[in-house]
Amino acid sequence: MTIQEPAGKSASTGYTRTARILHWLMAGIIVVMLLTGEQTMGSHDARFLPTVHASAGFVLLLLFAFRLFWRVKHAPPPAANRPLWELHMAKAAHVMLYAAMFLLPVTGWLAYTEHVRLSFGTRPASLFGLRIPLLPDFGINWHLIHNWGGKLVLLLIAVHAAAALKHHFIDRDDTLKRILR
């Protein structure tokens, strides 16, 4: 079974400019963070990379809040002529990506809080010079959760990109073009 756009309806086939900018800006930051995240583990003698990583994570959390607000106010363009199972898979993948865009920065914030408490006591964290409040101590190894969460997100992004490339090169539909134009 496939879902088709109703005849005569002239809906936009592409995402809004704001949605595209947020998608690619966040994608770029996430990829850099995933690639550099492993270097933030272990010794924190050199504070530059861990501080940039944590600061960028906080920026991602703020961008996510704006992106979620934008998504609620601006529905994505309809995906026409797709099998129902594919629409369900795409919806599930997008829900997981949105959850990851929230949970990874939050677990990173909790891990950073844990590190700051262990290293410096109870003073607040400083990201890009701004004072960030410390979160409660739940007695959980947030570093481990954040690290494995990053690995799962990397896998999810690879599947997301592979699906977009499959649509573009094999199905020859406009799925990839909708986020590029």
N, C-alpha and C. Protein backbone atom coordinates (compact mmCIF):
# COMPACT_ATOMS: atom_id res chain seq x y z
N MET A 1 0.84 -1.18 0.00
CA MET A 1 0.00 0.00 0.00
C MET A 1 0.89 1.24 0.00
N THR A 2 0.58 2.19 -0.85
CA THR A 2 1.33 3.45 -0.89
C THR A 2 0.40 4.59 -0.56
N ILE A 3 1.00 5.64 -0.04
CA ILE A 3 0.24 6.84 0.29
C ILE A 3 0.56 7.87 -0.78
N GLN A 4 -0.47 8.48 -1.36
CA GLN A 4 -0.25 9.49 -2.38
C GLN A 4 -0.87 10.80 -1.92
N GLU A 5 -0.28 11.87 -2.44
CA GLU A 5 -0.81 13.18 -2.17
C GLU A 5 -2.14 13.32 -2.90
N PRO A 6 -3.16 13.93 -2.30
CA PRO A 6 -4.45 14.08 -2.96
C PRO A 6 -4.31 14.85 -4.27
N ALA A 7 -5.10 14.44 -5.28
CA ALA A 7 -5.05 15.08 -6.59
C ALA A 7 -5.46 16.54 -6.45
N GLY A 8 -4.78 17.39 -7.18
CA GLY A 8 -5.11 18.81 -7.20
C GLY A 8 -4.52 19.60 -6.06
N LYS A 9 -3.91 18.96 -5.10
CA LYS A 9 -3.32 19.67 -3.97
C LYS A 9 -1.93 20.14 -4.35
N SER A 10 -1.64 21.41 -4.17
CA SER A 10 -0.34 21.94 -4.56
C SER A 10 0.48 22.25 -3.31
N ALA A 11 0.87 21.22 -2.60
CA ALA A 11 1.70 21.39 -1.40
C ALA A 11 3.15 21.57 -1.80
N SER A 12 3.88 22.27 -0.99
CA SER A 12 5.31 22.44 -1.23
C SER A 12 6.00 21.08 -1.11
N THR A 13 6.97 20.84 -1.98
CA THR A 13 7.67 19.56 -1.94
C THR A 13 8.99 19.66 -1.18
N GLY A 14 9.37 20.85 -0.77
CA GLY A 14 10.62 21.01 -0.06
C GLY A 14 10.41 21.54 1.35
N TYR A 15 11.44 21.40 2.16
CA TYR A 15 11.40 21.93 3.51
C TYR A 15 11.62 23.44 3.47
N THR A 16 11.20 24.13 4.53
CA THR A 16 11.42 25.57 4.60
C THR A 16 12.91 25.86 4.71
N ARG A 17 13.29 27.06 4.37
CA ARG A 17 14.70 27.47 4.45
C ARG A 17 15.21 27.31 5.89
N THR A 18 14.40 27.70 6.86
CA THR A 18 14.80 27.58 8.26
C THR A 18 15.02 26.12 8.64
N ALA A 19 14.12 25.24 8.22
CA ALA A 19 14.26 23.82 8.52
C ALA A 19 15.54 23.26 7.88
N ARG A 20 15.82 23.66 6.65
CA ARG A 20 17.05 23.18 5.97
C ARG A 20 18.30 23.68 6.68
N ILE A 21 18.31 24.95 7.05
CA ILE A 21 19.47 25.52 7.76
C ILE A 21 19.68 24.80 9.08
N LEU A 22 18.61 24.61 9.85
CA LEU A 22 18.73 23.92 11.13
C LEU A 22 19.20 22.48 10.93
N HIS A 23 18.67 21.79 9.92
CA HIS A 23 19.06 20.41 9.64
C HIS A 23 20.56 20.31 9.39
N TRP A 24 21.07 21.11 8.45
CA TRP A 24 22.47 20.99 8.06
C TRP A 24 23.42 21.58 9.10
N LEU A 25 23.02 22.66 9.77
CA LEU A 25 23.85 23.22 10.84
C LEU A 25 24.01 22.22 11.97
N MET A 26 22.90 21.64 12.41
CA MET A 26 22.96 20.67 13.49
C MET A 26 23.66 19.39 13.05
N ALA A 27 23.43 18.97 11.82
CA ALA A 27 24.10 17.77 11.31
C ALA A 27 25.61 17.96 11.33
N GLY A 28 26.07 19.11 10.88
CA GLY A 28 27.51 19.39 10.87
C GLY A 28 28.10 19.39 12.28
N ILE A 29 27.42 20.06 13.20
CA ILE A 29 27.92 20.12 14.58
C ILE A 29 27.91 18.72 15.20
N ILE A 30 26.85 17.96 14.97
CA ILE A 30 26.75 16.61 15.53
C ILE A 30 27.86 15.72 15.00
N VAL A 31 28.11 15.76 13.70
CA VAL A 31 29.17 14.93 13.13
C VAL A 31 30.53 15.29 13.72
N VAL A 32 30.83 16.58 13.83
CA VAL A 32 32.10 17.00 14.44
C VAL A 32 32.18 16.53 15.89
N MET A 33 31.07 16.67 16.61
CA MET A 33 31.07 16.25 18.01
C MET A 33 31.25 14.74 18.14
N LEU A 34 30.61 13.97 17.26
CA LEU A 34 30.76 12.52 17.31
C LEU A 34 32.19 12.11 16.97
N LEU A 35 32.81 12.81 16.04
CA LEU A 35 34.18 12.48 15.65
C LEU A 35 35.19 12.90 16.71
N THR A 36 34.91 13.96 17.46
CA THR A 36 35.85 14.44 18.47
C THR A 36 35.51 13.97 19.87
N GLY A 37 34.33 13.38 20.05
CA GLY A 37 33.88 12.98 21.38
C GLY A 37 34.83 12.03 22.08
N GLU A 38 35.39 11.09 21.34
CA GLU A 38 36.31 10.13 21.95
C GLU A 38 37.56 10.80 22.52
N GLN A 39 37.98 11.91 21.92
CA GLN A 39 39.17 12.60 22.42
C GLN A 39 38.89 13.35 23.73
N THR A 40 37.62 13.49 24.10
CA THR A 40 37.31 14.18 25.35
C THR A 40 37.33 13.24 26.54
N MET A 41 37.42 11.94 26.28
CA MET A 41 37.42 10.95 27.36
C MET A 41 38.81 10.87 27.98
N GLY A 42 38.87 10.39 29.20
CA GLY A 42 40.17 10.18 29.85
C GLY A 42 40.69 11.44 30.51
N SER A 43 41.97 11.67 30.36
CA SER A 43 42.63 12.80 31.01
C SER A 43 42.10 14.13 30.49
N HIS A 44 41.85 15.04 31.38
CA HIS A 44 41.37 16.36 31.01
C HIS A 44 42.43 17.41 31.31
N ASP A 45 43.69 17.02 31.13
CA ASP A 45 44.76 18.00 31.35
C ASP A 45 44.65 19.13 30.34
N ALA A 46 44.42 18.77 29.10
CA ALA A 46 44.20 19.78 28.06
C ALA A 46 42.70 20.01 27.99
N ARG A 47 42.23 21.16 28.45
CA ARG A 47 40.80 21.44 28.59
C ARG A 47 40.15 21.98 27.33
N PHE A 48 40.91 22.29 26.28
CA PHE A 48 40.32 22.95 25.12
C PHE A 48 39.25 22.09 24.45
N LEU A 49 39.60 20.88 24.02
CA LEU A 49 38.66 20.04 23.29
C LEU A 49 37.44 19.65 24.13
N PRO A 50 37.61 19.21 25.39
CA PRO A 50 36.42 18.91 26.19
C PRO A 50 35.51 20.13 26.40
N THR A 51 36.10 21.30 26.56
CA THR A 51 35.29 22.51 26.75
C THR A 51 34.53 22.85 25.49
N VAL A 52 35.18 22.76 24.33
CA VAL A 52 34.50 23.03 23.06
C VAL A 52 33.39 22.00 22.84
N HIS A 53 33.69 20.73 23.12
CA HIS A 53 32.70 19.66 22.95
C HIS A 53 31.48 19.93 23.83
N ALA A 54 31.69 20.24 25.08
CA ALA A 54 30.58 20.50 26.00
C ALA A 54 29.82 21.76 25.61
N SER A 55 30.54 22.79 25.22
CA SER A 55 29.89 24.04 24.81
C SER A 55 29.04 23.82 23.57
N ALA A 56 29.57 23.10 22.59
CA ALA A 56 28.82 22.81 21.38
C ALA A 56 27.60 21.97 21.69
N GLY A 57 27.71 21.06 22.66
CA GLY A 57 26.56 20.25 23.06
C GLY A 57 25.46 21.12 23.64
N PHE A 58 25.84 22.12 24.42
CA PHE A 58 24.84 23.02 24.99
C PHE A 58 24.19 23.85 23.88
N VAL A 59 24.99 24.28 22.90
CA VAL A 59 24.44 25.01 21.75
C VAL A 59 23.46 24.10 21.00
N LEU A 60 23.81 22.83 20.84
CA LEU A 60 22.91 21.88 20.17
C LEU A 60 21.59 21.75 20.92
N LEU A 61 21.65 21.75 22.23
CA LEU A 61 20.42 21.65 23.03
C LEU A 61 19.53 22.87 22.78
N LEU A 62 20.14 24.05 22.69
CA LEU A 62 19.37 25.26 22.40
C LEU A 62 18.81 25.23 20.97
N LEU A 63 19.64 24.79 20.02
CA LEU A 63 19.18 24.66 18.63
C LEU A 63 18.05 23.64 18.52
N PHE A 64 18.16 22.55 19.30
CA PHE A 64 17.11 21.53 19.29
C PHE A 64 15.79 22.14 19.76
N ALA A 65 15.83 22.94 20.81
CA ALA A 65 14.59 23.55 21.32
C ALA A 65 13.96 24.41 20.23
N PHE A 66 14.78 25.20 19.53
CA PHE A 66 14.25 26.03 18.45
C PHE A 66 13.75 25.16 17.30
N ARG A 67 14.50 24.11 16.98
CA ARG A 67 14.10 23.21 15.89
C ARG A 67 12.78 22.51 16.19
N LEU A 68 12.61 22.07 17.42
CA LEU A 68 11.36 21.42 17.81
C LEU A 68 10.21 22.40 17.71
N PHE A 69 10.42 23.62 18.19
CA PHE A 69 9.39 24.67 18.08
C PHE A 69 9.05 24.90 16.60
N TRP A 70 10.07 25.00 15.76
CA TRP A 70 9.85 25.23 14.33
C TRP A 70 9.08 24.07 13.71
N ARG A 71 9.43 22.86 14.07
CA ARG A 71 8.81 21.65 13.51
C ARG A 71 7.35 21.57 13.87
N VAL A 72 7.02 21.98 15.10
CA VAL A 72 5.62 21.96 15.54
C VAL A 72 4.81 22.99 14.75
N LYS A 73 5.39 24.14 14.48
CA LYS A 73 4.69 25.21 13.78
C LYS A 73 4.69 25.04 12.26
N HIS A 74 5.64 24.28 11.71
CA HIS A 74 5.77 24.10 10.26
C HIS A 74 5.88 22.62 9.93
N ALA A 75 4.78 22.04 9.50
CA ALA A 75 4.76 20.61 9.17
C ALA A 75 5.72 20.33 8.01
N PRO A 76 6.36 19.17 8.03
CA PRO A 76 7.24 18.84 6.91
C PRO A 76 6.42 18.63 5.64
N PRO A 77 7.06 18.78 4.49
CA PRO A 77 6.31 18.56 3.25
C PRO A 77 5.86 17.11 3.16
N PRO A 78 4.73 16.88 2.48
CA PRO A 78 4.22 15.51 2.40
C PRO A 78 5.15 14.61 1.57
N ALA A 79 5.24 13.37 1.98
CA ALA A 79 6.02 12.37 1.24
C ALA A 79 5.04 11.55 0.42
N ALA A 80 4.98 11.81 -0.86
CA ALA A 80 4.02 11.14 -1.72
C ALA A 80 4.60 9.86 -2.30
N ASN A 81 3.72 8.94 -2.65
CA ASN A 81 4.09 7.71 -3.35
C ASN A 81 5.11 6.86 -2.60
N ARG A 82 4.90 6.69 -1.32
CA ARG A 82 5.79 5.85 -0.52
C ARG A 82 5.00 4.68 0.04
N PRO A 83 5.60 3.50 0.09
CA PRO A 83 4.92 2.38 0.77
C PRO A 83 4.68 2.73 2.23
N LEU A 84 3.58 2.24 2.78
CA LEU A 84 3.21 2.55 4.15
C LEU A 84 4.30 2.14 5.14
N TRP A 85 4.94 0.97 4.93
CA TRP A 85 5.99 0.52 5.84
C TRP A 85 7.16 1.50 5.83
N GLU A 86 7.44 2.09 4.66
CA GLU A 86 8.54 3.04 4.55
C GLU A 86 8.22 4.33 5.30
N LEU A 87 6.98 4.76 5.21
CA LEU A 87 6.56 5.96 5.95
C LEU A 87 6.67 5.72 7.46
N HIS A 88 6.29 4.53 7.91
CA HIS A 88 6.40 4.21 9.34
C HIS A 88 7.86 4.16 9.78
N MET A 89 8.72 3.58 8.95
CA MET A 89 10.16 3.51 9.27
C MET A 89 10.76 4.92 9.33
N ALA A 90 10.39 5.76 8.37
CA ALA A 90 10.91 7.14 8.34
C ALA A 90 10.45 7.90 9.58
N LYS A 91 9.18 7.72 9.95
CA LYS A 91 8.65 8.38 11.15
C LYS A 91 9.40 7.92 12.40
N ALA A 92 9.60 6.60 12.51
CA ALA A 92 10.33 6.06 13.67
C ALA A 92 11.76 6.59 13.72
N ALA A 93 12.41 6.64 12.57
CA ALA A 93 13.80 7.14 12.52
C ALA A 93 13.86 8.60 12.93
N HIS A 94 12.90 9.40 12.46
CA HIS A 94 12.90 10.82 12.82
C HIS A 94 12.60 11.02 14.31
N VAL A 95 11.71 10.22 14.86
CA VAL A 95 11.44 10.30 16.30
C VAL A 95 12.72 9.96 17.08
N MET A 96 13.43 8.91 16.65
CA MET A 96 14.68 8.54 17.33
C MET A 96 15.74 9.63 17.18
N LEU A 97 15.83 10.25 16.01
CA LEU A 97 16.80 11.33 15.81
C LEU A 97 16.46 12.53 16.70
N TYR A 98 15.19 12.88 16.78
CA TYR A 98 14.79 13.99 17.65
C TYR A 98 15.06 13.66 19.11
N ALA A 99 14.76 12.43 19.51
CA ALA A 99 15.05 12.02 20.89
C ALA A 99 16.56 12.12 21.15
N ALA A 100 17.37 11.69 20.19
CA ALA A 100 18.82 11.74 20.35
C ALA A 100 19.33 13.18 20.44
N MET A 101 18.71 14.09 19.66
CA MET A 101 19.13 15.50 19.69
C MET A 101 18.84 16.13 21.04
N PHE A 102 17.92 15.55 21.80
CA PHE A 102 17.65 16.03 23.15
C PHE A 102 18.47 15.25 24.18
N LEU A 103 18.43 13.92 24.09
CA LEU A 103 19.03 13.08 25.13
C LEU A 103 20.56 13.12 25.14
N LEU A 104 21.18 13.20 23.99
CA LEU A 104 22.65 13.20 23.98
C LEU A 104 23.22 14.47 24.64
N PRO A 105 22.71 15.66 24.31
CA PRO A 105 23.21 16.83 25.04
C PRO A 105 22.88 16.78 26.54
N VAL A 106 21.71 16.27 26.90
CA VAL A 106 21.35 16.21 28.33
C VAL A 106 22.26 15.23 29.07
N THR A 107 22.50 14.04 28.49
CA THR A 107 23.41 13.10 29.16
C THR A 107 24.83 13.65 29.17
N GLY A 108 25.19 14.42 28.15
CA GLY A 108 26.50 15.08 28.14
C GLY A 108 26.58 16.12 29.26
N TRP A 109 25.51 16.87 29.44
CA TRP A 109 25.45 17.87 30.51
C TRP A 109 25.57 17.18 31.87
N LEU A 110 24.86 16.06 32.03
CA LEU A 110 24.95 15.31 33.28
C LEU A 110 26.37 14.75 33.49
N ALA A 111 26.99 14.25 32.41
CA ALA A 111 28.36 13.74 32.51
C ALA A 111 29.33 14.87 32.83
N TYR A 112 29.12 16.01 32.21
CA TYR A 112 29.98 17.18 32.47
C TYR A 112 29.82 17.63 33.92
N THR A 113 28.57 17.64 34.40
CA THR A 113 28.29 17.99 35.79
C THR A 113 29.03 17.04 36.73
N GLU A 114 28.94 15.74 36.41
CA GLU A 114 29.62 14.73 37.21
C GLU A 114 31.13 14.99 37.24
N HIS A 115 31.69 15.30 36.09
CA HIS A 115 33.13 15.58 36.00
C HIS A 115 33.50 16.83 36.80
N VAL A 116 32.69 17.89 36.65
CA VAL A 116 32.98 19.14 37.37
C VAL A 116 32.91 18.91 38.87
N ARG A 117 31.90 18.17 39.35
CA ARG A 117 31.78 17.89 40.79
C ARG A 117 32.98 17.11 41.30
N LEU A 118 33.42 16.09 40.52
CA LEU A 118 34.55 15.27 40.96
C LEU A 118 35.86 16.05 40.92
N SER A 119 35.99 16.97 39.95
CA SER A 119 37.25 17.69 39.78
C SER A 119 37.32 18.99 40.55
N PHE A 120 36.22 19.70 40.62
CA PHE A 120 36.28 21.06 41.16
C PHE A 120 35.34 21.31 42.32
N GLY A 121 34.55 20.35 42.72
CA GLY A 121 33.60 20.58 43.80
C GLY A 121 32.24 20.98 43.26
N THR A 122 31.60 21.94 43.89
CA THR A 122 30.22 22.28 43.53
C THR A 122 30.09 23.57 42.74
N ARG A 123 31.18 24.16 42.31
CA ARG A 123 31.02 25.40 41.53
C ARG A 123 30.42 25.09 40.16
N PRO A 124 29.65 26.03 39.58
CA PRO A 124 28.99 25.76 38.30
C PRO A 124 29.98 25.63 37.15
N ALA A 125 29.55 24.94 36.12
CA ALA A 125 30.37 24.77 34.93
C ALA A 125 30.38 26.08 34.14
N SER A 126 31.42 26.28 33.36
CA SER A 126 31.53 27.45 32.51
C SER A 126 31.67 26.97 31.07
N LEU A 127 30.70 27.33 30.25
CA LEU A 127 30.72 26.98 28.83
C LEU A 127 30.68 28.25 28.01
N PHE A 128 31.67 28.45 27.16
CA PHE A 128 31.82 29.68 26.39
C PHE A 128 31.77 30.89 27.33
N GLY A 129 32.27 30.72 28.54
CA GLY A 129 32.30 31.81 29.51
C GLY A 129 31.00 32.02 30.27
N LEU A 130 29.93 31.31 29.90
CA LEU A 130 28.66 31.43 30.61
C LEU A 130 28.60 30.41 31.73
N ARG A 131 28.03 30.81 32.85
CA ARG A 131 27.87 29.88 33.97
C ARG A 131 26.67 28.98 33.71
N ILE A 132 26.92 27.68 33.69
CA ILE A 132 25.87 26.70 33.46
C ILE A 132 25.63 25.98 34.79
N PRO A 133 24.39 25.90 35.23
CA PRO A 133 24.14 25.26 36.52
C PRO A 133 24.48 23.77 36.50
N LEU A 134 24.92 23.29 37.64
CA LEU A 134 25.16 21.86 37.78
C LEU A 134 23.83 21.16 37.98
N LEU A 135 23.71 20.00 37.39
CA LEU A 135 22.48 19.21 37.50
C LEU A 135 22.57 18.31 38.74
N PRO A 136 21.46 17.75 39.17
CA PRO A 136 21.50 16.86 40.35
C PRO A 136 22.38 15.64 40.11
N ASP A 137 22.90 15.11 41.19
CA ASP A 137 23.72 13.90 41.13
C ASP A 137 22.80 12.70 41.35
N PHE A 138 22.63 11.89 40.32
CA PHE A 138 21.75 10.73 40.40
C PHE A 138 22.51 9.45 40.71
N GLY A 139 23.83 9.54 40.87
CA GLY A 139 24.62 8.35 41.15
C GLY A 139 24.71 7.39 39.97
N ILE A 140 24.62 7.93 38.76
CA ILE A 140 24.65 7.12 37.54
C ILE A 140 25.90 7.49 36.75
N ASN A 141 26.49 6.52 36.07
CA ASN A 141 27.66 6.78 35.25
C ASN A 141 27.20 7.40 33.91
N TRP A 142 27.04 8.72 33.92
CA TRP A 142 26.55 9.42 32.73
C TRP A 142 27.56 9.40 31.60
N HIS A 143 28.84 9.35 31.93
CA HIS A 143 29.86 9.28 30.88
C HIS A 143 29.66 8.03 30.02
N LEU A 144 29.40 6.90 30.66
CA LEU A 144 29.19 5.65 29.93
C LEU A 144 27.93 5.73 29.06
N ILE A 145 26.85 6.22 29.63
CA ILE A 145 25.60 6.35 28.89
C ILE A 145 25.77 7.30 27.71
N HIS A 146 26.42 8.44 27.95
CA HIS A 146 26.64 9.44 26.90
C HIS A 146 27.54 8.87 25.79
N ASN A 147 28.58 8.14 26.18
CA ASN A 147 29.50 7.55 25.21
C ASN A 147 28.78 6.53 24.33
N TRP A 148 28.03 5.61 24.92
CA TRP A 148 27.31 4.61 24.14
C TRP A 148 26.16 5.24 23.35
N GLY A 149 25.55 6.26 23.91
CA GLY A 149 24.52 7.00 23.18
C GLY A 149 25.08 7.62 21.91
N GLY A 150 26.28 8.16 22.00
CA GLY A 150 26.94 8.73 20.82
C GLY A 150 27.18 7.69 19.75
N LYS A 151 27.58 6.49 20.16
CA LYS A 151 27.81 5.40 19.20
C LYS A 151 26.49 4.99 18.53
N LEU A 152 25.42 4.94 19.30
CA LEU A 152 24.11 4.60 18.72
C LEU A 152 23.63 5.69 17.76
N VAL A 153 23.87 6.93 18.11
CA VAL A 153 23.47 8.04 17.24
C VAL A 153 24.27 8.00 15.94
N LEU A 154 25.54 7.67 16.03
CA LEU A 154 26.35 7.55 14.82
C LEU A 154 25.75 6.48 13.89
N LEU A 155 25.34 5.37 14.45
CA LEU A 155 24.70 4.31 13.67
C LEU A 155 23.38 4.79 13.07
N LEU A 156 22.58 5.49 13.86
CA LEU A 156 21.30 6.01 13.39
C LEU A 156 21.50 7.02 12.26
N ILE A 157 22.50 7.87 12.38
CA ILE A 157 22.80 8.84 11.32
C ILE A 157 23.24 8.12 10.05
N ALA A 158 24.04 7.07 10.18
CA ALA A 158 24.48 6.31 9.01
C ALA A 158 23.28 5.68 8.30
N VAL A 159 22.34 5.14 9.05
CA VAL A 159 21.13 4.55 8.46
C VAL A 159 20.30 5.64 7.79
N HIS A 160 20.17 6.79 8.44
CA HIS A 160 19.42 7.93 7.90
C HIS A 160 20.04 8.38 6.57
N ALA A 161 21.35 8.54 6.54
CA ALA A 161 22.04 8.96 5.32
C ALA A 161 21.92 7.90 4.23
N ALA A 162 22.06 6.63 4.60
CA ALA A 162 21.94 5.54 3.63
C ALA A 162 20.54 5.51 3.02
N ALA A 163 19.52 5.75 3.84
CA ALA A 163 18.15 5.77 3.32
C ALA A 163 17.96 6.93 2.34
N ALA A 164 18.51 8.09 2.67
CA ALA A 164 18.41 9.24 1.76
C ALA A 164 19.12 8.96 0.44
N LEU A 165 20.29 8.34 0.50
CA LEU A 165 21.03 8.00 -0.72
C LEU A 165 20.31 6.92 -1.52
N LYS A 166 19.68 5.97 -0.83
CA LYS A 166 18.90 4.93 -1.51
C LYS A 166 17.74 5.56 -2.28
N HIS A 167 17.06 6.51 -1.64
CA HIS A 167 15.96 7.20 -2.32
C HIS A 167 16.46 7.97 -3.54
N HIS A 168 17.62 8.60 -3.41
CA HIS A 168 18.13 9.43 -4.49
C HIS A 168 18.65 8.60 -5.66
N PHE A 169 19.49 7.60 -5.37
CA PHE A 169 20.16 6.86 -6.44
C PHE A 169 19.43 5.61 -6.92
N ILE A 170 18.67 4.96 -6.06
CA ILE A 170 17.99 3.72 -6.46
C ILE A 170 16.54 4.01 -6.82
N ASP A 171 15.81 4.64 -5.89
CA ASP A 171 14.40 4.94 -6.16
C ASP A 171 14.24 6.12 -7.12
N ARG A 172 15.26 6.97 -7.18
CA ARG A 172 15.26 8.17 -8.03
C ARG A 172 14.06 9.06 -7.74
N ASP A 173 13.80 9.26 -6.44
CA ASP A 173 12.71 10.16 -6.07
C ASP A 173 13.30 11.45 -5.49
N ASP A 174 12.45 12.33 -5.00
CA ASP A 174 12.91 13.65 -4.57
C ASP A 174 13.18 13.76 -3.07
N THR A 175 13.28 12.64 -2.37
CA THR A 175 13.45 12.67 -0.91
C THR A 175 14.67 13.50 -0.50
N LEU A 176 15.82 13.25 -1.10
CA LEU A 176 17.02 13.99 -0.75
C LEU A 176 16.94 15.43 -1.22
N LYS A 177 16.36 15.66 -2.37
CA LYS A 177 16.26 17.03 -2.92
C LYS A 177 15.42 17.92 -2.02
N ARG A 178 14.44 17.33 -1.31
CA ARG A 178 13.55 18.14 -0.46
C ARG A 178 14.32 18.84 0.66
N ILE A 179 15.42 18.25 1.13
CA ILE A 179 16.19 18.87 2.21
C ILE A 179 17.38 19.66 1.64
N LEU A 180 17.66 19.50 0.36
CA LEU A 180 18.78 20.20 -0.26
C LEU A 180 18.40 21.53 -0.90
N ARG A 181 17.18 21.64 -1.46
CA ARG A 181 16.86 22.86 -2.19
C ARG A 181 16.63 24.04 -1.29
